[in-house]
Amino acid sequence: MADISKITLPSGTTYDIKDATARELIAGLQSYTDYLGVTTTAITDGATTNPIVIGGSSITVKKGNIVNYNSKEFIFNGTAWQEFGDLSGLGDLAYKDTASGKVTPSGNVSQPTFTGSESTVTVTATANTSGNYQPTGTVSKPTFTGTAFSSSGSFTPTGDVSVETKTTANKTTTVSAAASGTVTYTPAGTITAPTITVTPATTTINNPTSQTVAKTVVTAAPGATAPANNLTYYNVNNETLSLYQIGYTTGASITTGNVTVATGIDSATATAPEFSGTGVRLVTGNIPVPATYEATFTGTSGSVSVSGTATGNVSQPTFTGTKVQLAGTTTANGTVSQPTFTGTEATVTVS
């Protein structure tokens, strides 16, 4: 079940909810048990000794009082003392915060294993005629031996081409309307305007008149600015919170009056437009069109020669080098597994 312990009003003030009956019960519980201290008066389980001495003063006990006598704890039930604790059975360590001792464990530690990974090795080379590697040296330059040759020929690389129109003729063509493009010709004529007659359908509706009504209901968080036209529905008087009932009134939101409006078209007619114009034929002017052509090429003959060495042999190169001795060092890179310990359980006694 959900609980409510506080209530916050629209003003922003928060009130605790007080239960008078619960407060009285809590006060009774708080007065029931009360520890008085260590008494020097001899007390046993069931004794009715009262008053008793605590700290050199005589005190009359009441129900719920608790005292210590020697190592025992007693509570007074209103008539007699009742023992509910005895600390005499506790050992020396009962009042110590720490204790220490020595122990030598026995057992075996497992042998670790090594797991390595690839690493970089630094290698140095030292000249040595008896070395194990020959990395440096020179390669002799090869020679080429071949036979020279030559060739010759002739060609006509340059010249001019002349074109001469021998005869021309004038042509005419029919001009037709293009599928698209800028308009260049508008035929003359007129189109008569049609006459349109429309017969509307009407009906009568109620024309509304505006009235001021509540449109929405809004709320505001406690302590926030109060909304317009706010309602007071609570009151606090003498620690009593009163929540009021909220009602509402009814009434027409608008007033209406009859008005005739069009709802559609019963019929509509229009006369067909007529075009009156004069047809024309479009033709082009004379267009000179070549009838025949004559082309003439004039060029100059020239000569060309080629020479070179196309065939032969390349000598075999030789390599001369120096042997070296390779040596290097590396540091292994890896991990050693963590050993495990297997031992025998032992008992340590601290006193």
Protein backbone atom coordinates (compact mmCIF):
# COMPACT_ATOMS: atom_id res chain seq x y z
CA MET A 1 0.00 0.00 0.00
CA ALA A 2 1.36 3.46 -0.90
CA ASP A 3 1.98 5.94 1.95
CA ILE A 4 1.73 9.74 2.17
CA SER A 5 3.92 11.58 4.67
CA LYS A 6 3.79 15.18 3.33
CA ILE A 7 1.50 17.39 1.26
CA THR A 8 2.48 20.45 -0.78
CA LEU A 9 -0.14 23.14 -1.45
CA PRO A 10 -0.30 25.39 -4.55
CA SER A 11 1.24 28.17 -2.44
CA GLY A 12 4.45 26.11 -2.31
CA THR A 13 4.21 25.38 1.45
CA THR A 14 4.87 21.72 2.38
CA TYR A 15 3.11 20.25 5.46
CA ASP A 16 4.02 17.07 7.37
CA ILE A 17 1.10 14.74 8.07
CA LYS A 18 0.92 14.24 11.85
CA ASP A 19 -0.64 11.12 13.44
CA ALA A 20 -1.54 12.00 17.05
CA THR A 21 -2.12 8.35 18.09
CA ALA A 22 1.22 7.23 16.63
CA ARG A 23 3.02 10.02 18.46
CA GLU A 24 1.54 8.89 21.79
CA LEU A 25 2.64 5.27 21.17
CA ILE A 26 6.15 6.38 20.21
CA ALA A 27 6.40 8.47 23.37
CA GLY A 28 5.37 5.38 25.40
CA LEU A 29 8.01 3.22 23.73
CA GLN A 30 10.70 5.83 24.34
CA SER A 31 9.91 5.89 28.09
CA TYR A 32 9.77 2.09 28.43
CA THR A 33 13.52 1.35 28.14
CA ASP A 34 16.13 3.51 29.80
CA TYR A 35 19.72 2.45 30.63
CA LEU A 36 20.70 3.80 34.07
CA GLY A 37 24.31 2.52 34.28
CA VAL A 38 26.35 0.16 36.57
CA THR A 39 24.95 -0.41 40.05
CA THR A 40 26.85 -1.40 43.19
CA THR A 41 23.65 -2.85 44.70
CA ALA A 42 23.55 -6.67 44.62
CA ILE A 43 20.87 -7.77 42.12
CA THR A 44 19.78 -11.28 41.18
CA ASP A 45 17.24 -12.62 38.69
CA GLY A 46 13.77 -12.10 40.23
CA ALA A 47 14.95 -9.70 43.00
CA THR A 48 12.60 -6.83 43.88
CA THR A 49 15.36 -4.56 45.20
CA ASN A 50 14.33 -0.91 44.86
CA PRO A 51 15.83 1.70 45.11
CA ILE A 52 19.42 0.91 44.01
CA VAL A 53 22.70 2.82 44.13
CA ILE A 54 24.35 4.05 40.89
CA GLY A 55 27.40 6.29 41.02
CA GLY A 56 26.98 6.75 44.78
CA SER A 57 23.39 8.03 44.44
CA SER A 58 20.18 6.24 45.44
CA ILE A 59 17.78 5.92 42.50
CA THR A 60 14.21 4.62 42.51
CA VAL A 61 13.78 2.52 39.39
CA LYS A 62 10.68 2.13 37.22
CA LYS A 63 9.48 -0.21 34.52
CA GLY A 64 11.93 -0.47 31.61
CA ASN A 65 15.06 0.66 33.48
CA ILE A 66 18.23 -1.32 32.56
CA VAL A 67 21.36 -1.69 34.73
CA ASN A 68 24.59 -3.71 34.86
CA TYR A 69 25.70 -5.57 37.99
CA ASN A 70 29.13 -7.28 37.78
CA SER A 71 29.07 -9.10 34.41
CA LYS A 72 25.27 -9.40 34.16
CA GLU A 73 22.51 -7.22 32.64
CA PHE A 74 19.09 -6.73 34.25
CA ILE A 75 15.82 -4.99 33.25
CA PHE A 76 13.13 -3.94 35.75
CA ASN A 77 9.61 -5.10 34.72
CA GLY A 78 7.89 -2.80 37.19
CA THR A 79 7.99 -5.33 40.07
CA ALA A 80 11.18 -7.42 39.85
CA TRP A 81 14.51 -7.54 38.07
CA GLN A 82 14.91 -9.91 35.11
CA GLU A 83 18.32 -11.06 33.89
CA PHE A 84 18.72 -10.94 30.09
CA GLY A 85 22.51 -10.97 29.59
CA ASP A 86 25.64 -12.49 31.14
CA LEU A 87 29.13 -11.50 29.98
CA SER A 88 31.06 -13.75 32.38
CA GLY A 89 31.54 -16.44 29.70
CA LEU A 90 33.54 -14.17 27.39
CA GLY A 91 37.29 -14.88 27.05
CA ASP A 92 40.25 -12.52 27.12
CA LEU A 93 39.81 -11.62 23.46
CA ALA A 94 36.25 -10.36 23.97
CA TYR A 95 37.59 -6.93 24.91
CA LYS A 96 40.48 -6.82 22.43
CA ASP A 97 40.34 -5.18 19.02
CA THR A 98 43.31 -7.10 17.54
CA ALA A 99 45.30 -10.35 18.04
CA SER A 100 48.37 -11.74 16.30
CA GLY A 101 50.27 -15.07 15.97
CA LYS A 102 52.84 -16.86 13.83
CA VAL A 103 52.28 -19.64 11.28
CA THR A 104 54.57 -21.41 8.78
CA PRO A 105 52.58 -22.65 5.77
CA SER A 106 53.55 -25.92 4.10
CA GLY A 107 52.96 -26.94 0.50
CA ASN A 108 54.33 -26.66 -3.04
CA VAL A 109 54.64 -23.89 -5.62
CA SER A 110 53.92 -24.95 -9.23
CA GLN A 111 56.61 -24.51 -11.88
CA PRO A 112 55.94 -21.41 -14.03
CA THR A 113 55.94 -21.54 -17.85
CA PHE A 114 57.34 -18.95 -20.29
CA THR A 115 55.35 -17.64 -23.24
CA GLY A 116 57.32 -15.53 -25.72
CA SER A 117 56.59 -13.45 -28.81
CA GLU A 118 58.50 -12.38 -31.92
CA SER A 119 61.01 -9.55 -31.34
CA THR A 120 63.42 -7.43 -33.42
CA VAL A 121 67.11 -8.51 -33.64
CA THR A 122 69.86 -5.96 -34.30
CA VAL A 123 72.47 -7.42 -36.71
CA THR A 124 75.92 -5.84 -37.34
CA ALA A 125 78.20 -6.60 -40.33
CA THR A 126 82.03 -6.66 -39.97
CA ALA A 127 84.40 -7.09 -42.92
CA ASN A 128 85.97 -10.58 -42.77
CA THR A 129 87.51 -12.57 -45.65
CA SER A 130 86.29 -15.74 -43.92
CA GLY A 131 82.86 -14.25 -43.19
CA ASN A 132 79.53 -15.98 -43.69
CA TYR A 133 77.87 -13.31 -45.90
CA GLN A 134 78.99 -11.19 -48.88
CA PRO A 135 76.53 -8.25 -49.16
CA THR A 136 78.64 -5.49 -50.79
CA GLY A 137 80.57 -5.12 -54.06
CA THR A 138 80.43 -3.77 -57.61
CA VAL A 139 79.07 -4.98 -60.93
CA SER A 140 81.29 -4.37 -64.02
CA LYS A 141 79.88 -2.21 -66.80
CA PRO A 142 78.81 -4.34 -69.83
CA THR A 143 79.86 -3.44 -73.44
CA PHE A 144 77.78 -3.56 -76.65
CA THR A 145 79.12 -4.72 -80.03
CA GLY A 146 76.90 -4.19 -83.12
CA THR A 147 76.76 -3.58 -86.90
CA ALA A 148 75.75 -0.21 -88.36
CA PHE A 149 73.06 0.04 -91.04
CA SER A 150 71.28 2.72 -93.11
CA SER A 151 68.05 3.05 -95.13
CA SER A 152 66.58 5.68 -97.50
CA GLY A 153 63.27 6.55 -99.25
CA SER A 154 61.09 9.42 -100.51
CA PHE A 155 57.69 10.95 -99.57
CA THR A 156 55.54 14.02 -100.31
CA PRO A 157 54.77 15.57 -96.89
CA THR A 158 53.49 19.09 -97.75
CA GLY A 159 51.04 20.70 -100.18
CA ASP A 160 47.73 22.54 -100.66
CA VAL A 161 44.21 21.44 -101.51
CA SER A 162 42.04 23.98 -103.41
CA VAL A 163 38.25 23.71 -103.74
CA GLU A 164 36.36 25.58 -106.50
CA THR A 165 32.57 25.85 -106.84
CA LYS A 166 31.78 25.48 -110.51
CA THR A 167 28.01 26.35 -110.60
CA THR A 168 25.23 27.41 -108.17
CA ALA A 169 21.39 27.19 -108.28
CA ASN A 170 18.60 28.98 -106.33
CA LYS A 171 16.16 26.76 -104.42
CA THR A 172 12.86 27.35 -102.60
CA THR A 173 11.40 25.26 -99.71
CA THR A 174 8.13 24.99 -97.77
CA VAL A 175 8.16 26.39 -94.17
CA SER A 176 6.23 24.24 -91.67
CA ALA A 177 5.34 24.84 -88.02
CA ALA A 178 8.08 23.64 -85.60
CA ALA A 179 7.28 21.34 -82.65
CA SER A 180 8.95 23.78 -80.21
CA GLY A 181 10.92 27.04 -80.06
CA THR A 182 10.30 30.79 -80.12
CA VAL A 183 7.08 31.83 -81.86
CA THR A 184 7.84 33.80 -85.08
CA TYR A 185 4.38 34.07 -86.72
CA THR A 186 0.82 34.58 -85.39
CA PRO A 187 -2.04 34.17 -87.90
CA ALA A 188 -4.57 37.00 -87.95
CA GLY A 189 -8.07 36.38 -86.61
CA THR A 190 -10.46 36.68 -83.62
CA ILE A 191 -12.14 34.30 -81.15
CA THR A 192 -15.54 35.21 -79.78
CA ALA A 193 -16.00 35.03 -75.97
CA PRO A 194 -18.42 32.31 -74.76
CA THR A 195 -21.49 33.10 -72.67
CA ILE A 196 -21.58 31.19 -69.33
CA THR A 197 -24.76 30.75 -67.25
CA VAL A 198 -24.55 29.22 -63.71
CA THR A 199 -27.56 28.28 -61.54
CA PRO A 200 -26.44 27.62 -57.89
CA ALA A 201 -28.14 25.31 -55.35
CA THR A 202 -28.77 26.89 -51.91
CA THR A 203 -29.69 25.87 -48.36
CA THR A 204 -30.25 27.59 -45.01
CA ILE A 205 -27.79 27.15 -42.09
CA ASN A 206 -27.50 28.65 -38.59
CA ASN A 207 -24.88 31.40 -38.57
CA PRO A 208 -23.04 31.34 -35.15
CA THR A 209 -22.25 34.34 -32.97
CA SER A 210 -19.05 34.27 -30.83
CA GLN A 211 -19.39 33.75 -27.06
CA THR A 212 -16.66 33.70 -24.36
CA VAL A 213 -16.30 30.14 -22.96
CA ALA A 214 -13.65 28.16 -21.10
CA LYS A 215 -11.47 26.36 -23.65
CA THR A 216 -8.93 24.45 -21.55
CA VAL A 217 -8.12 23.65 -17.93
CA VAL A 218 -4.49 24.25 -16.89
CA THR A 219 -2.52 23.45 -13.75
CA ALA A 220 0.55 25.01 -12.12
CA ALA A 221 3.22 23.32 -9.99
CA PRO A 222 3.31 24.23 -6.27
CA GLY A 223 5.05 27.58 -5.79
CA ALA A 224 4.74 28.53 -9.49
CA THR A 225 2.90 31.60 -10.80
CA ALA A 226 -0.85 31.03 -10.43
CA PRO A 227 -2.72 30.62 -13.76
CA ALA A 228 -5.44 33.03 -14.83
CA ASN A 229 -8.91 32.50 -13.35
CA ASN A 230 -7.52 30.07 -10.75
CA LEU A 231 -9.85 28.27 -8.31
CA THR A 232 -9.19 27.97 -4.56
CA TYR A 233 -10.04 24.40 -3.54
CA TYR A 234 -8.20 23.99 -0.22
CA ASN A 235 -7.75 25.60 3.21
CA VAL A 236 -5.50 24.98 6.25
CA ASN A 237 -6.83 25.84 9.72
CA ASN A 238 -5.48 24.53 13.06
CA GLU A 239 -3.31 21.89 11.28
CA THR A 240 -6.39 20.64 9.40
CA LEU A 241 -6.21 20.51 5.60
CA SER A 242 -9.62 20.92 3.91
CA LEU A 243 -10.04 20.05 0.23
CA TYR A 244 -13.05 21.71 -1.42
CA GLN A 245 -15.31 20.23 -4.06
CA ILE A 246 -15.14 21.70 -7.55
CA GLY A 247 -18.21 21.91 -9.80
CA TYR A 248 -19.11 23.55 -13.07
CA THR A 249 -22.08 25.31 -14.75
CA THR A 250 -23.48 24.73 -18.23
CA GLY A 251 -24.77 27.03 -20.97
CA ALA A 252 -24.81 27.52 -24.72
CA SER A 253 -21.36 28.27 -26.12
CA ILE A 254 -22.78 30.15 -29.17
CA THR A 255 -26.01 31.72 -30.49
CA THR A 256 -27.16 31.15 -34.07
CA GLY A 257 -29.32 32.72 -36.80
CA ASN A 258 -30.56 31.46 -40.19
CA VAL A 259 -28.56 32.37 -43.31
CA THR A 260 -28.81 31.09 -46.92
CA VAL A 261 -25.57 29.80 -48.52
CA ALA A 262 -24.69 28.04 -51.78
CA THR A 263 -24.18 24.29 -51.49
CA GLY A 264 -23.44 23.43 -55.12
CA ILE A 265 -24.33 24.10 -58.77
CA ASP A 266 -27.62 22.85 -60.17
CA SER A 267 -26.61 23.62 -63.77
CA ALA A 268 -24.00 25.53 -65.81
CA THR A 269 -23.98 26.23 -69.59
CA ALA A 270 -21.55 27.95 -71.93
CA THR A 271 -21.71 28.73 -75.67
CA ALA A 272 -18.90 27.33 -77.85
CA PRO A 273 -16.23 29.92 -78.87
CA GLU A 274 -15.65 30.53 -82.62
CA PHE A 275 -12.40 31.40 -84.42
CA SER A 276 -12.33 33.61 -87.53
CA GLY A 277 -8.99 33.93 -89.34
CA THR A 278 -7.17 33.92 -92.70
CA GLY A 279 -4.84 31.09 -93.69
CA VAL A 280 -1.41 32.00 -95.17
CA ARG A 281 1.43 30.01 -96.74
CA LEU A 282 4.97 30.68 -95.53
CA VAL A 283 7.87 30.34 -98.05
CA THR A 284 11.57 31.26 -97.91
CA GLY A 285 13.49 33.47 -100.30
CA ASN A 286 16.10 32.23 -102.79
CA ILE A 287 18.82 30.07 -101.18
CA PRO A 288 22.03 29.62 -103.23
CA VAL A 289 22.94 25.91 -103.30
CA PRO A 290 26.27 24.64 -104.79
CA ALA A 291 25.71 22.40 -107.79
CA THR A 292 29.27 20.95 -108.46
CA TYR A 293 32.78 21.14 -106.81
CA GLU A 294 36.37 20.58 -108.06
CA ALA A 295 39.28 19.88 -105.64
CA THR A 296 43.02 20.10 -106.59
CA PHE A 297 46.08 19.05 -104.43
CA THR A 298 49.51 20.59 -105.01
CA GLY A 299 52.53 19.14 -103.09
CA THR A 300 56.37 18.93 -103.05
CA SER A 301 58.28 15.65 -103.05
CA GLY A 302 60.99 15.15 -100.30
CA SER A 303 63.44 12.49 -99.18
CA VAL A 304 64.21 10.82 -95.81
CA SER A 305 67.13 8.64 -94.57
CA VAL A 306 67.58 6.54 -91.40
CA SER A 307 70.85 5.14 -89.94
CA GLY A 308 71.85 3.32 -86.72
CA THR A 309 73.10 0.13 -85.08
CA ALA A 310 70.22 -2.30 -84.74
CA THR A 311 71.94 -5.67 -84.05
CA GLY A 312 74.82 -6.85 -81.80
CA ASN A 313 75.78 -8.43 -78.41
CA VAL A 314 76.02 -7.15 -74.80
CA SER A 315 78.95 -8.54 -72.74
CA GLN A 316 78.27 -10.48 -69.50
CA PRO A 317 78.85 -8.23 -66.37
CA THR A 318 80.82 -9.55 -63.35
CA PHE A 319 80.34 -8.88 -59.58
CA THR A 320 83.19 -8.20 -57.15
CA GLY A 321 82.39 -8.03 -53.41
CA THR A 322 83.77 -8.40 -49.85
CA LYS A 323 82.66 -11.01 -47.36
CA VAL A 324 81.50 -9.90 -43.91
CA GLN A 325 80.77 -11.66 -40.60
CA LEU A 326 77.16 -11.22 -39.36
CA ALA A 327 76.52 -11.06 -35.59
CA GLY A 328 73.72 -9.73 -33.40
CA THR A 329 71.96 -9.89 -30.04
CA THR A 330 68.31 -9.96 -28.97
CA THR A 331 66.30 -9.77 -25.75
CA ALA A 332 63.46 -12.29 -25.57
CA ASN A 333 60.04 -10.69 -25.24
CA GLY A 334 57.34 -12.66 -23.39
CA THR A 335 55.67 -13.46 -20.10
CA VAL A 336 56.16 -15.99 -17.32
CA SER A 337 52.97 -17.59 -16.05
CA GLN A 338 52.01 -16.93 -12.43
CA PRO A 339 52.84 -19.94 -10.23
CA THR A 340 50.20 -21.42 -7.97
CA PHE A 341 50.64 -22.48 -4.38
CA THR A 342 49.23 -25.69 -2.97
CA GLY A 343 49.46 -25.94 0.82
CA THR A 344 48.10 -27.68 3.87
CA GLU A 345 45.59 -25.96 6.12
CA ALA A 346 46.92 -25.24 9.66
CA THR A 347 45.25 -23.98 12.82
CA VAL A 348 46.57 -20.86 14.54
CA THR A 349 45.69 -20.33 18.18
CA VAL A 350 45.86 -16.79 19.56
CA SER A 351 45.62 -16.31 23.33
